[in-house]
Structures are given as structure tokens and as C-alpha cells.
Amino acid sequence: MKELAGREGVRLFRLLNLHLEQEQKFQPREKGLSLIEATAENDNTLCPRLRNAKVEDLRSLTNFFAFRTETFVLAVNILDRFLALMKVKPKHLSCIGVCCFLLAARLVEEECNIPSIHDVIRISQCKCTVSDIKRMEKIISEKLHYELKATTALTFLHLYHAIVLCHTLQRKEILSLDKLEAQLKACNCRLIFSKAKPSVLALCLLTLEVETLKSIDLLEILLHVQKHSKINDPDLLYWRELVSKCLTEYSSPECCKPDHRKLVWIVSRRTAQCLHNSYYSVPELPTIPEGGCLESEGEDSGEDMSCGEESLSSSPPSDKECSFSFDFKVSQALCFPS
């Protein structure tokens, strides 16, 4: 297409070629993922439900620290690559998840915004020590040959979006990158999509969104992108059907997800005192919950999300002090913008 031959278009397609060459290198081993998929639930083996629950935990941590989508997607990639290589027991999954989150954050976020290991342990309630985290980080890094910065579906989503946007600046159709990222997060929370090529998964999301706009021009651009990326029709149709089903299920009223309110976390006084100041804003006096102190026998309320998000851990917190609440200005990661 002649309109794709501009200087910016040439630059984007060169970058696309580079990532297409690298995507297979950073994809989790399909054999390892299939073994997890085929595993029945029991006390001593890793099954798909446990993996998906851990990814939800990573999403919650990403929201809590107001990190970028790239941090979450990269953390999931590191987690899946490691799980596809190693036979992991469920009791170690919490520690591994925290390590993947920290490794990804160090690669993506500004150094001044990266929480201490101690803070992440306190918030995630992963029941491990700082030394445990450091040892596990070393194991994960070694097993992945220190190749942690990866080409992911988010990489292609941004590239494809930029290519389309280059040729739609004067058009009425607008593709929301925030919405596409939110949809990708929903897919990341299901193990099956870790088996898809990142380039294919990203193109599925874009084509489904463009189809809702009913724009023939945009579809023609994506067809050119598909041909350039050497993605065949059967693969695209197969994964697009699965993505469409996933997004439909997620959008249904039966699916639990955060609404458009700010997340409200209830954190014990001792935990709040240990956290870095940038993670929250505490009023001059603690907010007294209606009905008095939230203290209960043997435990406090720990971390809680009032918007329907699940707790990061099912284990009861150990603090016994009175709790207070404060708002974190974070985006609702999986709320699709209207």
C-alpha cells in the first residue's frame, strides 16, 4: 500500500521485523504449558487455576503500586517462561510471583518508584523472607539465561496501533490503546493465551476492535500488517475466536471485575508505617470506620479491595492493630473504557 510507504511507516515496519524475529525466543515452552493445562487439581501440583490466580495477584500488585501495563505483561511473561521450564510446587508459587513482579518492575519502572522487597512482601503477604526473594530471583534469572526483557503481545499491540494510527489521524475512527491494553490483560489472566504467538494475539485484539468500528479502510491496513507479519488465516481465525469468547465472558455481568471507582485498600497501621511514603497519602488523623475499630480477635482486616477485587492472599494477616483506609489513585486495569 502506497500510504504505508512514508518515513514513519518504514521505521515502524523495520521495528516490527525486528520483534517478529525475536518473538519465538521469548515465548514460553508450549510443552511445559501443555503439562500445566493437563494437570488436575491437587495439593502438590501446579494446575491452570493456580497459575491464573497468581496472574490475578500480579494484576492487583500492579494496580496497588500504580505501575504500567508493560510491567504486568512482562511479569506474566517471565512467570510463564519459568513455569514452562521448571516443575513448581504450589507452595513456592507465591514467592515466584513476587520475584517475577519485582524483576519486571526493575526493567520497566523508574528506579525511584520501585518498592523495596520488604514492602512487596508485606503487601502481597507471600510468607517469605527477603533472602528467599533474592535467592528465587537468582534462580529465575539463571534459568531464563538473564534474558528477562522480552518481546510480548503488548510490544506488537503498540506497534500495530502505531501503524494504524499513522494513517487515521484525520479519520473519525479512533482506536483506544487503553481499551486494547485492558483487553490484553484479560487474556493474560488465562493460561491458554500464553500459547499464542504474541504477534497473533495482538492482531486478534486489533481486528476485533476494528470490526466493531466497521471501517473497511482500517481492515485493509490490518490485512497488510497480517501479510507482512506472515500470519496465516487459520491461525488468526482460531485465536480470534478464543479471544472473542474471552472478552465476551469478561464483559458479562456474571464476571467479577472492578468497577469505575477508585480502589480502596484497608491496610493495618503497622503495615502503613512500614511502607514508602509515595505509596499512599495518610490523613492527619486515621479514618475511623463506621461501627468503630476494624480489629477482630487474632487478626485485622489486612488488605481488602472494596471494588470486588480478591485479596492478594487467602492467609490471615498477623497484625493486631486498628486499621484505617486510604485511597490509591490507580487505574482499574481490566475495566473496558466505554
Protein backbone atom coordinates (compact mmCIF):
# COMPACT_ATOMS: atom_id res chain seq x y z
CA MET A 1 0.00 0.00 0.00
CA LYS A 2 1.41 3.34 -1.04
CA GLU A 3 0.17 5.15 2.05
CA LEU A 4 2.24 2.82 4.22
CA ALA A 5 5.47 3.82 2.49
CA GLY A 6 6.05 7.04 4.41
CA ARG A 7 9.13 7.60 6.55
CA GLU A 8 7.34 6.80 9.82
CA GLY A 9 5.71 3.74 8.26
CA VAL A 10 9.08 2.44 7.10
CA ARG A 11 10.52 2.92 10.59
CA LEU A 12 7.62 1.10 12.24
CA PHE A 13 7.80 -1.84 9.83
CA ARG A 14 11.54 -2.18 10.39
CA LEU A 15 10.88 -2.29 14.13
CA LEU A 16 8.13 -4.82 13.51
CA ASN A 17 10.55 -7.04 11.58
CA LEU A 18 12.98 -6.95 14.48
CA HIS A 19 10.37 -8.06 17.02
CA LEU A 20 8.96 -10.73 14.68
CA GLU A 21 12.42 -12.27 14.60
CA GLN A 22 12.62 -12.27 18.40
CA GLU A 23 9.12 -13.28 19.50
CA GLN A 24 9.69 -17.05 19.41
CA LYS A 25 12.73 -16.66 21.65
CA PHE A 26 10.64 -15.17 24.45
CA GLN A 27 7.62 -17.42 24.17
CA PRO A 28 7.03 -19.99 26.98
CA ARG A 29 7.70 -23.59 26.01
CA GLU A 30 4.46 -25.00 24.63
CA LYS A 31 5.22 -28.45 26.04
CA GLY A 32 5.58 -27.04 29.54
CA LEU A 33 2.36 -25.02 29.23
CA SER A 34 0.51 -28.10 27.97
CA LEU A 35 1.67 -30.08 31.00
CA ILE A 36 0.21 -27.43 33.29
CA GLU A 37 -3.02 -27.40 31.27
CA ALA A 38 -3.37 -31.18 31.62
CA THR A 39 -2.72 -31.18 35.39
CA ALA A 40 -5.66 -31.94 37.66
CA GLU A 41 -6.02 -30.01 40.89
CA ASN A 42 -4.38 -31.47 43.98
CA ASP A 43 -2.24 -30.30 46.86
CA ASN A 44 1.16 -30.91 45.29
CA THR A 45 0.95 -29.91 41.62
CA LEU A 46 0.55 -26.68 39.69
CA CYS A 47 -2.73 -26.51 37.78
CA PRO A 48 -4.17 -23.82 35.46
CA ARG A 49 -6.40 -22.39 38.20
CA LEU A 50 -3.43 -21.70 40.47
CA ARG A 51 -1.46 -20.11 37.66
CA ASN A 52 -4.39 -17.89 36.67
CA ALA A 53 -4.95 -16.89 40.30
CA LYS A 54 -1.30 -15.89 40.61
CA VAL A 55 -1.58 -13.71 37.49
CA GLU A 56 -4.60 -12.02 39.08
CA ASP A 57 -2.37 -11.35 42.09
CA LEU A 58 0.22 -9.76 39.80
CA ARG A 59 -2.51 -7.57 38.33
CA SER A 60 -3.52 -6.47 41.82
CA LEU A 61 0.07 -5.67 42.73
CA THR A 62 0.45 -3.68 39.51
CA ASN A 63 -2.65 -1.66 40.42
CA PHE A 64 -1.53 -1.14 44.00
CA PHE A 65 1.80 0.39 43.02
CA ALA A 66 0.25 2.19 40.02
CA PHE A 67 2.68 0.52 37.62
CA ARG A 68 2.47 0.44 33.84
CA THR A 69 0.74 -2.26 31.79
CA GLU A 70 4.17 -3.22 30.46
CA THR A 71 5.26 -4.23 33.96
CA PHE A 72 2.28 -6.56 34.35
CA VAL A 73 2.62 -8.13 30.90
CA LEU A 74 6.36 -8.65 31.33
CA ALA A 75 5.87 -10.15 34.80
CA VAL A 76 3.38 -12.64 33.33
CA ASN A 77 5.80 -13.49 30.52
CA ILE A 78 8.65 -14.13 32.99
CA LEU A 79 6.33 -16.22 35.17
CA ASP A 80 5.06 -18.38 32.29
CA ARG A 81 8.50 -18.92 30.82
CA PHE A 82 9.77 -20.09 34.20
CA LEU A 83 6.74 -22.31 34.93
CA ALA A 84 7.05 -23.89 31.48
CA LEU A 85 10.67 -24.81 32.26
CA MET A 86 10.52 -25.93 35.87
CA LYS A 87 8.32 -28.27 37.87
CA VAL A 88 6.95 -25.92 40.51
CA LYS A 89 5.09 -26.85 43.67
CA PRO A 90 2.12 -24.67 44.62
CA LYS A 91 3.72 -23.67 47.94
CA HIS A 92 6.52 -21.92 46.01
CA LEU A 93 4.23 -20.09 43.56
CA SER A 94 3.66 -17.06 45.78
CA CYS A 95 7.40 -16.40 46.13
CA ILE A 96 7.93 -16.91 42.40
CA GLY A 97 5.13 -14.48 41.54
CA VAL A 98 6.59 -11.73 43.73
CA CYS A 99 10.02 -12.26 42.15
CA CYS A 100 8.61 -12.01 38.62
CA PHE A 101 6.82 -8.80 39.60
CA LEU A 102 10.00 -7.26 41.03
CA LEU A 103 12.16 -8.35 38.09
CA ALA A 104 9.70 -6.81 35.63
CA ALA A 105 9.35 -3.61 37.65
CA ARG A 106 13.12 -3.06 37.68
CA LEU A 107 13.18 -3.31 33.89
CA VAL A 108 10.20 -1.05 33.21
CA GLU A 109 9.59 1.42 36.02
CA GLU A 110 11.61 4.42 37.16
CA GLU A 111 14.11 3.40 39.84
CA CYS A 112 12.66 5.87 42.34
CA ASN A 113 9.22 4.23 42.04
CA ILE A 114 10.33 0.64 42.62
CA PRO A 115 9.20 -0.62 46.04
CA SER A 116 11.54 -2.37 48.43
CA ILE A 117 11.39 -6.14 48.65
CA HIS A 118 10.13 -5.79 52.21
CA ASP A 119 7.21 -3.59 51.10
CA VAL A 120 6.16 -6.04 48.38
CA ILE A 121 6.33 -8.93 50.84
CA ARG A 122 4.13 -7.03 53.28
CA ILE A 123 1.54 -6.11 50.65
CA SER A 124 1.46 -9.48 48.86
CA GLN A 125 1.60 -11.48 52.14
CA CYS A 126 3.68 -14.07 50.32
CA LYS A 127 5.03 -15.60 53.55
CA CYS A 128 8.67 -15.49 52.54
CA THR A 129 11.72 -13.54 53.62
CA VAL A 130 13.86 -11.02 51.77
CA SER A 131 16.55 -13.69 51.49
CA ASP A 132 14.01 -16.10 49.94
CA ILE A 133 13.10 -13.50 47.33
CA LYS A 134 16.73 -12.79 46.46
CA ARG A 135 17.52 -16.49 46.09
CA MET A 136 14.47 -17.10 43.93
CA GLU A 137 15.24 -14.07 41.75
CA LYS A 138 18.68 -15.55 41.10
CA ILE A 139 17.17 -18.93 40.20
CA ILE A 140 14.63 -17.40 37.79
CA SER A 141 17.26 -15.18 36.15
CA GLU A 142 19.65 -18.09 35.69
CA LYS A 143 17.00 -20.42 34.26
CA LEU A 144 15.98 -17.74 31.77
CA HIS A 145 19.65 -17.03 30.96
CA TYR A 146 19.21 -13.45 32.24
CA GLU A 147 17.06 -12.66 29.18
CA LEU A 148 14.22 -11.02 31.05
CA LYS A 149 13.36 -8.07 28.81
CA ALA A 150 11.04 -9.75 26.30
CA THR A 151 9.06 -9.15 23.15
CA THR A 152 5.44 -9.59 24.25
CA ALA A 153 1.95 -9.22 22.83
CA LEU A 154 1.96 -5.69 24.27
CA THR A 155 5.01 -4.90 22.11
CA PHE A 156 3.07 -5.85 18.97
CA LEU A 157 -0.12 -4.20 20.19
CA HIS A 158 1.71 -0.88 20.48
CA LEU A 159 3.39 -1.34 17.10
CA TYR A 160 0.21 -2.34 15.26
CA HIS A 161 -1.68 0.50 16.92
CA ALA A 162 1.02 2.99 15.89
CA ILE A 163 0.95 1.73 12.29
CA VAL A 164 -2.82 2.12 12.10
CA LEU A 165 -2.77 5.48 13.86
CA CYS A 166 -0.25 6.83 11.35
CA HIS A 167 -2.95 6.56 8.73
CA THR A 168 -6.02 7.51 10.78
CA LEU A 169 -5.05 10.89 12.22
CA GLN A 170 -7.60 12.66 10.02
CA ARG A 171 -10.26 9.96 10.40
CA LYS A 172 -13.19 9.75 12.77
CA GLU A 173 -12.35 6.20 13.83
CA ILE A 174 -10.23 6.20 16.97
CA LEU A 175 -8.69 3.07 18.46
CA SER A 176 -8.33 3.36 22.21
CA LEU A 177 -4.96 1.96 23.29
CA ASP A 178 -6.12 1.89 26.92
CA LYS A 179 -9.05 -0.31 25.96
CA LEU A 180 -6.84 -2.64 23.92
CA GLU A 181 -4.37 -2.93 26.81
CA ALA A 182 -7.22 -3.75 29.18
CA GLN A 183 -8.40 -6.48 26.84
CA LEU A 184 -4.88 -7.88 26.64
CA LYS A 185 -4.73 -8.03 30.44
CA ALA A 186 -7.93 -10.04 30.45
CA CYS A 187 -6.35 -12.53 28.04
CA ASN A 188 -3.12 -12.67 30.08
CA CYS A 189 -5.16 -13.91 33.05
CA ARG A 190 -5.89 -17.14 31.15
CA LEU A 191 -3.16 -19.70 30.60
CA ILE A 192 -4.34 -20.69 27.12
CA PHE A 193 -3.28 -17.35 25.62
CA SER A 194 0.34 -17.87 26.68
CA LYS A 195 0.47 -20.49 23.92
CA ALA A 196 -0.45 -17.95 21.23
CA LYS A 197 2.22 -16.11 19.32
CA PRO A 198 2.39 -12.55 20.69
CA SER A 199 2.05 -11.08 17.19
CA VAL A 200 -1.08 -13.15 16.55
CA LEU A 201 -2.70 -12.33 19.89
CA ALA A 202 -2.13 -8.60 19.39
CA LEU A 203 -3.53 -8.69 15.85
CA CYS A 204 -6.62 -10.56 17.06
CA LEU A 205 -7.37 -7.81 19.56
CA LEU A 206 -6.96 -5.09 16.95
CA THR A 207 -9.01 -6.81 14.24
CA LEU A 208 -11.88 -7.46 16.67
CA GLU A 209 -11.87 -3.80 17.72
CA VAL A 210 -11.65 -2.55 14.12
CA GLU A 211 -14.56 -4.79 13.16
CA THR A 212 -16.71 -3.03 15.76
CA LEU A 213 -15.86 0.27 14.03
CA LYS A 214 -16.97 -1.23 10.69
CA SER A 215 -14.11 0.51 8.89
CA ILE A 216 -13.06 -1.13 5.64
CA ASP A 217 -10.04 1.18 5.36
CA LEU A 218 -8.69 0.14 8.76
CA LEU A 219 -9.28 -3.53 8.00
CA GLU A 220 -7.28 -3.14 4.78
CA ILE A 221 -4.36 -1.73 6.77
CA LEU A 222 -4.53 -4.65 9.20
CA LEU A 223 -4.69 -7.12 6.31
CA HIS A 224 -1.46 -5.59 5.02
CA VAL A 225 0.04 -5.90 8.52
CA GLN A 226 -1.09 -9.54 8.70
CA LYS A 227 0.55 -10.32 5.37
CA HIS A 228 3.75 -8.53 6.37
CA SER A 229 3.85 -10.44 9.67
CA LYS A 230 3.27 -13.75 7.81
CA ILE A 231 0.28 -14.66 9.96
CA ASN A 232 -1.88 -17.20 8.14
CA ASP A 233 -5.67 -17.06 8.18
CA PRO A 234 -6.29 -20.34 10.07
CA ASP A 235 -4.09 -19.22 13.00
CA LEU A 236 -5.69 -15.79 13.10
CA LEU A 237 -9.24 -17.19 12.96
CA TYR A 238 -8.52 -19.81 15.64
CA TRP A 239 -7.11 -17.38 18.16
CA ARG A 240 -9.55 -14.61 17.28
CA GLU A 241 -12.44 -16.88 18.19
CA LEU A 242 -10.86 -17.69 21.56
CA VAL A 243 -10.10 -14.01 22.23
CA SER A 244 -13.65 -13.01 21.30
CA LYS A 245 -15.07 -15.64 23.65
CA CYS A 246 -12.77 -14.49 26.46
CA LEU A 247 -13.74 -10.83 26.07
CA THR A 248 -17.44 -11.70 25.83
CA GLU A 249 -17.26 -13.70 29.03
CA TYR A 250 -15.32 -10.94 30.73
CA SER A 251 -17.83 -8.30 29.70
CA SER A 252 -20.75 -10.33 31.07
CA PRO A 253 -22.41 -9.25 34.35
CA GLU A 254 -21.55 -12.65 35.88
CA CYS A 255 -17.81 -11.92 35.68
CA CYS A 256 -16.35 -10.27 38.78
CA LYS A 257 -14.26 -7.24 37.92
CA PRO A 258 -13.58 -3.81 39.36
CA ASP A 259 -15.97 -1.01 38.54
CA HIS A 260 -15.02 2.58 37.73
CA ARG A 261 -14.50 3.65 41.34
CA LYS A 262 -11.07 4.06 42.86
CA LEU A 263 -9.68 1.02 44.59
CA VAL A 264 -9.86 1.36 48.35
CA TRP A 265 -7.37 -0.71 50.34
CA ILE A 266 -7.73 -1.34 54.07
CA VAL A 267 -4.21 -1.58 55.49
CA SER A 268 -3.17 -2.09 59.08
CA ARG A 269 -1.40 0.74 60.87
CA ARG A 270 1.80 -1.27 61.23
CA THR A 271 1.86 -2.11 57.53
CA ALA A 272 1.25 1.53 56.58
CA GLN A 273 4.06 2.71 58.83
CA CYS A 274 6.46 0.34 57.06
CA LEU A 275 5.51 1.44 53.55
CA HIS A 276 7.32 4.01 51.46
CA ASN A 277 5.61 7.41 51.63
CA SER A 278 4.94 7.53 47.89
CA TYR A 279 2.56 4.56 48.04
CA TYR A 280 -0.17 6.38 49.89
CA SER A 281 -1.36 9.61 51.43
CA VAL A 282 -2.36 9.28 55.07
CA PRO A 283 -4.62 11.98 56.54
CA GLU A 284 -3.63 13.83 59.70
CA LEU A 285 -5.87 11.55 61.72
CA PRO A 286 -6.81 7.96 60.83
CA THR A 287 -10.22 7.47 59.30
CA ILE A 288 -12.45 5.78 61.86
CA PRO A 289 -14.64 3.19 60.08
CA GLU A 290 -18.36 3.31 60.81
CA GLY A 291 -19.09 0.96 63.69
CA GLY A 292 -15.74 1.53 65.39
CA CYS A 293 -12.40 -0.21 65.12
CA LEU A 294 -11.98 -2.95 62.50
CA GLU A 295 -9.95 -5.05 64.92
CA SER A 296 -11.02 -8.66 65.34
CA GLU A 297 -9.70 -11.36 67.58
CA GLY A 298 -6.31 -12.61 66.41
CA GLU A 299 -6.23 -10.68 63.14
CA ASP A 300 -7.04 -7.39 61.49
CA SER A 301 -8.70 -6.79 58.17
CA GLY A 302 -5.43 -6.95 56.19
CA GLU A 303 -5.53 -5.80 52.56
CA ASP A 304 -9.01 -5.53 51.13
CA MET A 305 -10.42 -4.08 47.94
CA SER A 306 -13.86 -2.61 48.10
CA CYS A 307 -14.38 -2.79 44.33
CA GLY A 308 -14.74 -6.55 44.20
CA GLU A 309 -11.09 -7.44 43.68
CA GLU A 310 -9.91 -10.52 45.53
CA SER A 311 -7.36 -10.32 48.32
CA LEU A 312 -3.77 -10.95 47.36
CA SER A 313 -3.59 -13.81 49.82
CA SER A 314 -6.05 -16.14 51.49
CA SER A 315 -3.89 -16.34 54.60
CA PRO A 316 -4.89 -14.16 57.57
CA PRO A 317 -2.62 -11.21 58.36
CA SER A 318 -0.76 -11.20 61.65
CA ASP A 319 -1.11 -7.55 62.72
CA LYS A 320 -3.44 -6.83 65.62
CA GLU A 321 -3.60 -3.07 65.50
CA CYS A 322 -6.58 -0.98 64.47
CA SER A 323 -6.84 -0.46 60.70
CA PHE A 324 -7.57 2.62 58.63
CA SER A 325 -8.36 3.13 54.99
CA PHE A 326 -6.93 5.30 52.27
CA ASP A 327 -7.49 5.63 48.54
CA PHE A 328 -4.94 4.70 45.92
CA LYS A 329 -5.30 6.59 42.65
CA VAL A 330 -4.78 3.65 40.34
CA SER A 331 -6.48 2.72 37.12
CA GLN A 332 -8.98 -0.11 37.06
CA ALA A 333 -6.78 -2.35 34.93
CA LEU A 334 -9.45 -4.57 33.45
CA CYS A 335 -12.32 -2.09 33.13
CA PHE A 336 -13.00 -1.64 29.43
CA PRO A 337 -13.50 2.04 28.65
CA SER A 338 -16.85 2.71 27.07
